Amino acid sequence: MNRFVLSGALALAMASNAVLAQSSPNGVRTLDPPGAIKAEGTWSLGVRAGDFIFVAGMQGVDAATNKLVADPEGRIRQAFLNIRLIARSEGASLQDCVRLTIYVSDLDQVAALVDKVQAELWGKPPYPPRTMVEVRRLFDDDIVEIDSVFYAPPKK
């Protein structure tokens, strides 16, 4: 019987460590909601830190295929949809976004598409504060990467 109790305690300790590995000592919790793209390497899709949700820079990767969407407008839309999925997993909507930083490969070609897609998804103002920056190169030679922060106090 002692062997079973010891085995159960060991399993419980291992399960507790698995939960702890996803949270920092201060309660910063890593996010990996169902249906989201898969983070590969040394980064996370997002984290909850108190009342805020920080989402990693998102590209227009389709979670079903793990590939960038081919159409530029569709790719930008998918990047926003990837952000929305992570925010929604924590009870936030696009209207809860408090900061967007958008990196684009070519402001002349991409900025108008970003504006169009963002207006469609948000529906109407108010829009979050936003910075759009042209950069020399993005991962996978992409055209856009969107970094975002949301305010979403946990529901009690």
C-alpha atoms as a PDB file:
ATOM      1  CA  MET A   1       0.000   0.000   0.000  1.00  0.00           C
ATOM      2  CA  ASN A   2       2.843   2.399   0.784  1.00  0.00           C
ATOM      3  CA  ARG A   3       4.105   1.883  -2.761  1.00  0.00           C
ATOM      4  CA  PHE A   4       0.703   3.046  -4.144  1.00  0.00           C
ATOM      5  CA  VAL A   5       0.608   6.080  -1.842  1.00  0.00           C
ATOM      6  CA  LEU A   6       4.167   6.978  -2.845  1.00  0.00           C
ATOM      7  CA  SER A   7       3.329   6.533  -6.546  1.00  0.00           C
ATOM      8  CA  GLY A   8       0.236   8.712  -6.160  1.00  0.00           C
ATOM      9  CA  ALA A   9       2.215  11.419  -4.355  1.00  0.00           C
ATOM     10  CA  LEU A  10       4.897  11.325  -7.041  1.00  0.00           C
ATOM     11  CA  ALA A  11       2.272  11.651  -9.802  1.00  0.00           C
ATOM     12  CA  LEU A  12       0.647  14.574  -7.959  1.00  0.00           C
ATOM     13  CA  ALA A  13       4.003  16.305  -7.529  1.00  0.00           C
ATOM     14  CA  MET A  14       4.803  15.841 -11.223  1.00  0.00           C
ATOM     15  CA  ALA A  15       1.391  17.236 -12.207  1.00  0.00           C
ATOM     16  CA  SER A  16       1.938  20.227  -9.910  1.00  0.00           C
ATOM     17  CA  ASN A  17       5.314  20.863 -11.534  1.00  0.00           C
ATOM     18  CA  ALA A  18       3.694  20.763 -14.993  1.00  0.00           C
ATOM     19  CA  VAL A  19       1.253  23.483 -13.906  1.00  0.00           C
ATOM     20  CA  LEU A  20       4.042  25.510 -12.314  1.00  0.00           C
ATOM     21  CA  ALA A  21       6.086  25.305 -15.501  1.00  0.00           C
ATOM     22  CA  GLN A  22       3.339  27.293 -17.259  1.00  0.00           C
ATOM     23  CA  SER A  23       3.223  30.075 -14.641  1.00  0.00           C
ATOM     24  CA  SER A  24       5.911  32.309 -13.226  1.00  0.00           C
ATOM     25  CA  PRO A  25       6.365  32.821  -9.481  1.00  0.00           C
ATOM     26  CA  ASN A  26       4.417  36.090  -9.891  1.00  0.00           C
ATOM     27  CA  GLY A  27       1.533  34.428 -11.714  1.00  0.00           C
ATOM     28  CA  VAL A  28       2.399  35.244 -15.326  1.00  0.00           C
ATOM     29  CA  ARG A  29       0.607  32.458 -17.196  1.00  0.00           C
ATOM     30  CA  THR A  30       1.522  31.204 -20.674  1.00  0.00           C
ATOM     31  CA  LEU A  31      -1.345  30.982 -23.178  1.00  0.00           C
ATOM     32  CA  ASP A  32      -1.793  28.195 -25.725  1.00  0.00           C
ATOM     33  CA  PRO A  33      -5.503  28.013 -26.589  1.00  0.00           C
ATOM     34  CA  PRO A  34      -7.052  25.243 -28.686  1.00  0.00           C
ATOM     35  CA  GLY A  35      -7.179  26.079 -32.395  1.00  0.00           C
ATOM     36  CA  ALA A  36      -4.232  28.473 -32.232  1.00  0.00           C
ATOM     37  CA  ILE A  37      -1.069  28.183 -34.260  1.00  0.00           C
ATOM     38  CA  LYS A  38       1.719  26.239 -32.600  1.00  0.00           C
ATOM     39  CA  ALA A  39       4.651  28.124 -31.119  1.00  0.00           C
ATOM     40  CA  GLU A  40       7.875  26.414 -32.104  1.00  0.00           C
ATOM     41  CA  GLY A  41      11.108  27.417 -30.461  1.00  0.00           C
ATOM     42  CA  THR A  42      11.765  29.741 -27.561  1.00  0.00           C
ATOM     43  CA  TRP A  43       8.609  31.848 -27.592  1.00  0.00           C
ATOM     44  CA  SER A  44       4.977  31.669 -26.481  1.00  0.00           C
ATOM     45  CA  LEU A  45       1.797  32.749 -28.247  1.00  0.00           C
ATOM     46  CA  GLY A  46       0.926  34.994 -25.356  1.00  0.00           C
ATOM     47  CA  VAL A  47       0.786  35.453 -21.620  1.00  0.00           C
ATOM     48  CA  ARG A  48      -1.642  36.751 -19.044  1.00  0.00           C
ATOM     49  CA  ALA A  49      -0.015  39.057 -16.517  1.00  0.00           C
ATOM     50  CA  GLY A  50      -2.627  40.286 -14.064  1.00  0.00           C
ATOM     51  CA  ASP A  51      -5.256  42.255 -15.971  1.00  0.00           C
ATOM     52  CA  PHE A  52      -3.272  42.295 -19.213  1.00  0.00           C
ATOM     53  CA  ILE A  53      -2.854  39.867 -22.082  1.00  0.00           C
ATOM     54  CA  PHE A  54       0.297  40.200 -24.165  1.00  0.00           C
ATOM     55  CA  VAL A  55       0.151  38.478 -27.542  1.00  0.00           C
ATOM     56  CA  ALA A  56       3.314  37.606 -29.477  1.00  0.00           C
ATOM     57  CA  GLY A  57       3.875  39.170 -32.864  1.00  0.00           C
ATOM     58  CA  MET A  58       1.429  37.313 -35.106  1.00  0.00           C
ATOM     59  CA  GLN A  59       1.780  36.536 -38.767  1.00  0.00           C
ATOM     60  CA  GLY A  60      -0.938  35.350 -41.117  1.00  0.00           C
ATOM     61  CA  VAL A  61      -0.328  31.659 -40.468  1.00  0.00           C
ATOM     62  CA  ASP A  62      -3.320  29.371 -40.938  1.00  0.00           C
ATOM     63  CA  ALA A  63      -3.411  27.026 -37.921  1.00  0.00           C
ATOM     64  CA  ALA A  64      -4.919  24.216 -40.024  1.00  0.00           C
ATOM     65  CA  THR A  65      -2.016  24.141 -42.487  1.00  0.00           C
ATOM     66  CA  ASN A  66       0.734  25.834 -40.460  1.00  0.00           C
ATOM     67  CA  LYS A  67       1.484  27.917 -43.575  1.00  0.00           C
ATOM     68  CA  LEU A  68       1.233  31.601 -44.396  1.00  0.00           C
ATOM     69  CA  VAL A  69      -1.983  32.546 -46.196  1.00  0.00           C
ATOM     70  CA  ALA A  70      -1.045  33.300 -49.826  1.00  0.00           C
ATOM     71  CA  ASP A  71      -3.233  36.358 -50.500  1.00  0.00           C
ATOM     72  CA  PRO A  72      -1.792  39.559 -48.888  1.00  0.00           C
ATOM     73  CA  GLU A  73      -5.158  40.828 -47.608  1.00  0.00           C
ATOM     74  CA  GLY A  74      -6.063  37.339 -46.391  1.00  0.00           C
ATOM     75  CA  ARG A  75      -2.702  37.052 -44.656  1.00  0.00           C
ATOM     76  CA  ILE A  76      -3.237  40.314 -42.778  1.00  0.00           C
ATOM     77  CA  ARG A  77      -6.755  39.203 -41.817  1.00  0.00           C
ATOM     78  CA  GLN A  78      -5.396  35.861 -40.571  1.00  0.00           C
ATOM     79  CA  ALA A  79      -2.800  37.643 -38.416  1.00  0.00           C
ATOM     80  CA  PHE A  80      -5.591  39.650 -36.753  1.00  0.00           C
ATOM     81  CA  LEU A  81      -7.731  36.507 -36.394  1.00  0.00           C
ATOM     82  CA  ASN A  82      -4.820  34.698 -34.720  1.00  0.00           C
ATOM     83  CA  ILE A  83      -4.573  37.587 -32.236  1.00  0.00           C
ATOM     84  CA  ARG A  84      -8.327  37.597 -31.671  1.00  0.00           C
ATOM     85  CA  LEU A  85      -8.360  33.853 -30.906  1.00  0.00           C
ATOM     86  CA  ILE A  86      -5.722  34.241 -28.200  1.00  0.00           C
ATOM     87  CA  ALA A  87      -7.430  37.311 -26.695  1.00  0.00           C
ATOM     88  CA  ARG A  88     -10.845  35.587 -26.701  1.00  0.00           C
ATOM     89  CA  SER A  89      -9.353  32.596 -24.886  1.00  0.00           C
ATOM     90  CA  GLU A  90      -8.908  34.969 -21.934  1.00  0.00           C
ATOM     91  CA  GLY A  91     -12.264  36.733 -22.235  1.00  0.00           C
ATOM     92  CA  ALA A  92     -11.085  39.747 -24.252  1.00  0.00           C
ATOM     93  CA  SER A  93     -12.436  41.127 -27.499  1.00  0.00           C
ATOM     94  CA  LEU A  94     -10.703  43.223 -30.136  1.00  0.00           C
ATOM     95  CA  GLN A  95     -12.282  46.271 -28.463  1.00  0.00           C
ATOM     96  CA  ASP A  96     -10.226  45.427 -25.348  1.00  0.00           C
ATOM     97  CA  CYS A  97      -6.987  45.936 -27.279  1.00  0.00           C
ATOM     98  CA  VAL A  98      -4.955  48.766 -25.737  1.00  0.00           C
ATOM     99  CA  ARG A  99      -1.929  48.680 -28.047  1.00  0.00           C
ATOM    100  CA  LEU A 100      -1.014  47.495 -31.544  1.00  0.00           C
ATOM    101  CA  THR A 101       2.431  47.580 -33.068  1.00  0.00           C
ATOM    102  CA  ILE A 102       2.380  46.542 -36.705  1.00  0.00           C
ATOM    103  CA  TYR A 103       5.549  45.729 -38.591  1.00  0.00           C
ATOM    104  CA  VAL A 104       5.262  45.760 -42.373  1.00  0.00           C
ATOM    105  CA  SER A 105       7.693  45.029 -45.165  1.00  0.00           C
ATOM    106  CA  ASP A 106       6.416  47.891 -47.374  1.00  0.00           C
ATOM    107  CA  LEU A 107       4.280  50.739 -46.013  1.00  0.00           C
ATOM    108  CA  ASP A 108       3.174  51.819 -49.497  1.00  0.00           C
ATOM    109  CA  GLN A 109       1.763  48.388 -50.344  1.00  0.00           C
ATOM    110  CA  VAL A 110       0.619  47.050 -46.972  1.00  0.00           C
ATOM    111  CA  ALA A 111      -0.628  49.996 -44.855  1.00  0.00           C
ATOM    112  CA  ALA A 112      -3.910  50.439 -46.746  1.00  0.00           C
ATOM    113  CA  LEU A 113      -4.645  46.709 -46.490  1.00  0.00           C
ATOM    114  CA  VAL A 114      -3.998  46.789 -42.735  1.00  0.00           C
ATOM    115  CA  ASP A 115      -6.393  49.744 -42.375  1.00  0.00           C
ATOM    116  CA  LYS A 116      -9.073  47.975 -44.437  1.00  0.00           C
ATOM    117  CA  VAL A 117      -8.890  44.680 -42.550  1.00  0.00           C
ATOM    118  CA  GLN A 118      -8.658  46.333 -39.139  1.00  0.00           C
ATOM    119  CA  ALA A 119     -11.740  48.469 -39.865  1.00  0.00           C
ATOM    120  CA  GLU A 120     -13.678  45.363 -40.986  1.00  0.00           C
ATOM    121  CA  LEU A 121     -12.755  43.354 -37.891  1.00  0.00           C
ATOM    122  CA  TRP A 122     -13.208  46.153 -35.336  1.00  0.00           C
ATOM    123  CA  GLY A 123     -16.446  47.273 -37.000  1.00  0.00           C
ATOM    124  CA  LYS A 124     -16.265  50.834 -35.770  1.00  0.00           C
ATOM    125  CA  PRO A 125     -14.137  53.107 -33.576  1.00  0.00           C
ATOM    126  CA  PRO A 126     -12.716  53.387 -31.078  1.00  0.00           C
ATOM    127  CA  TYR A 127      -9.570  51.767 -32.416  1.00  0.00           C
ATOM    128  CA  PRO A 128      -6.592  51.025 -30.177  1.00  0.00           C
ATOM    129  CA  PRO A 129      -3.451  53.151 -30.232  1.00  0.00           C
ATOM    130  CA  ARG A 130      -1.282  51.856 -33.041  1.00  0.00           C
ATOM    131  CA  THR A 131       2.203  52.196 -34.423  1.00  0.00           C
ATOM    132  CA  MET A 132       2.996  50.925 -37.918  1.00  0.00           C
ATOM    133  CA  VAL A 133       6.644  50.575 -38.834  1.00  0.00           C
ATOM    134  CA  GLU A 134       8.302  49.537 -42.064  1.00  0.00           C
ATOM    135  CA  VAL A 135      11.115  47.081 -41.428  1.00  0.00           C
ATOM    136  CA  ARG A 136      13.764  45.692 -43.697  1.00  0.00           C
ATOM    137  CA  ARG A 137      12.760  42.063 -43.249  1.00  0.00           C
ATOM    138  CA  LEU A 138      10.306  39.928 -41.311  1.00  0.00           C
ATOM    139  CA  PHE A 139      10.449  36.248 -40.414  1.00  0.00           C
ATOM    140  CA  ASP A 140       9.790  34.032 -43.456  1.00  0.00           C
ATOM    141  CA  ASP A 141      10.057  37.168 -45.638  1.00  0.00           C
ATOM    142  CA  ASP A 142       6.498  37.966 -44.564  1.00  0.00           C
ATOM    143  CA  ILE A 143       4.676  41.242 -45.248  1.00  0.00           C
ATOM    144  CA  VAL A 144       3.217  41.822 -41.759  1.00  0.00           C
ATOM    145  CA  GLU A 145       3.630  40.946 -38.095  1.00  0.00           C
ATOM    146  CA  ILE A 146       1.277  42.345 -35.460  1.00  0.00           C
ATOM    147  CA  ASP A 147       2.116  42.710 -31.772  1.00  0.00           C
ATOM    148  CA  SER A 148      -0.751  43.424 -29.374  1.00  0.00           C
ATOM    149  CA  VAL A 149      -1.703  44.060 -25.750  1.00  0.00           C
ATOM    150  CA  PHE A 150      -5.196  43.653 -24.267  1.00  0.00           C
ATOM    151  CA  TYR A 151      -6.787  44.796 -21.007  1.00  0.00           C
ATOM    152  CA  ALA A 152      -9.000  42.046 -19.631  1.00  0.00           C
ATOM    153  CA  PRO A 153      -9.409  41.762 -15.867  1.00  0.00           C
ATOM    154  CA  PRO A 154     -10.124  38.138 -14.943  1.00  0.00           C
ATOM    155  CA  LYS A 155     -13.813  37.454 -14.372  1.00  0.00           C
ATOM    156  CA  LYS A 156     -14.625  36.663 -10.749  1.00  0.00           C
END
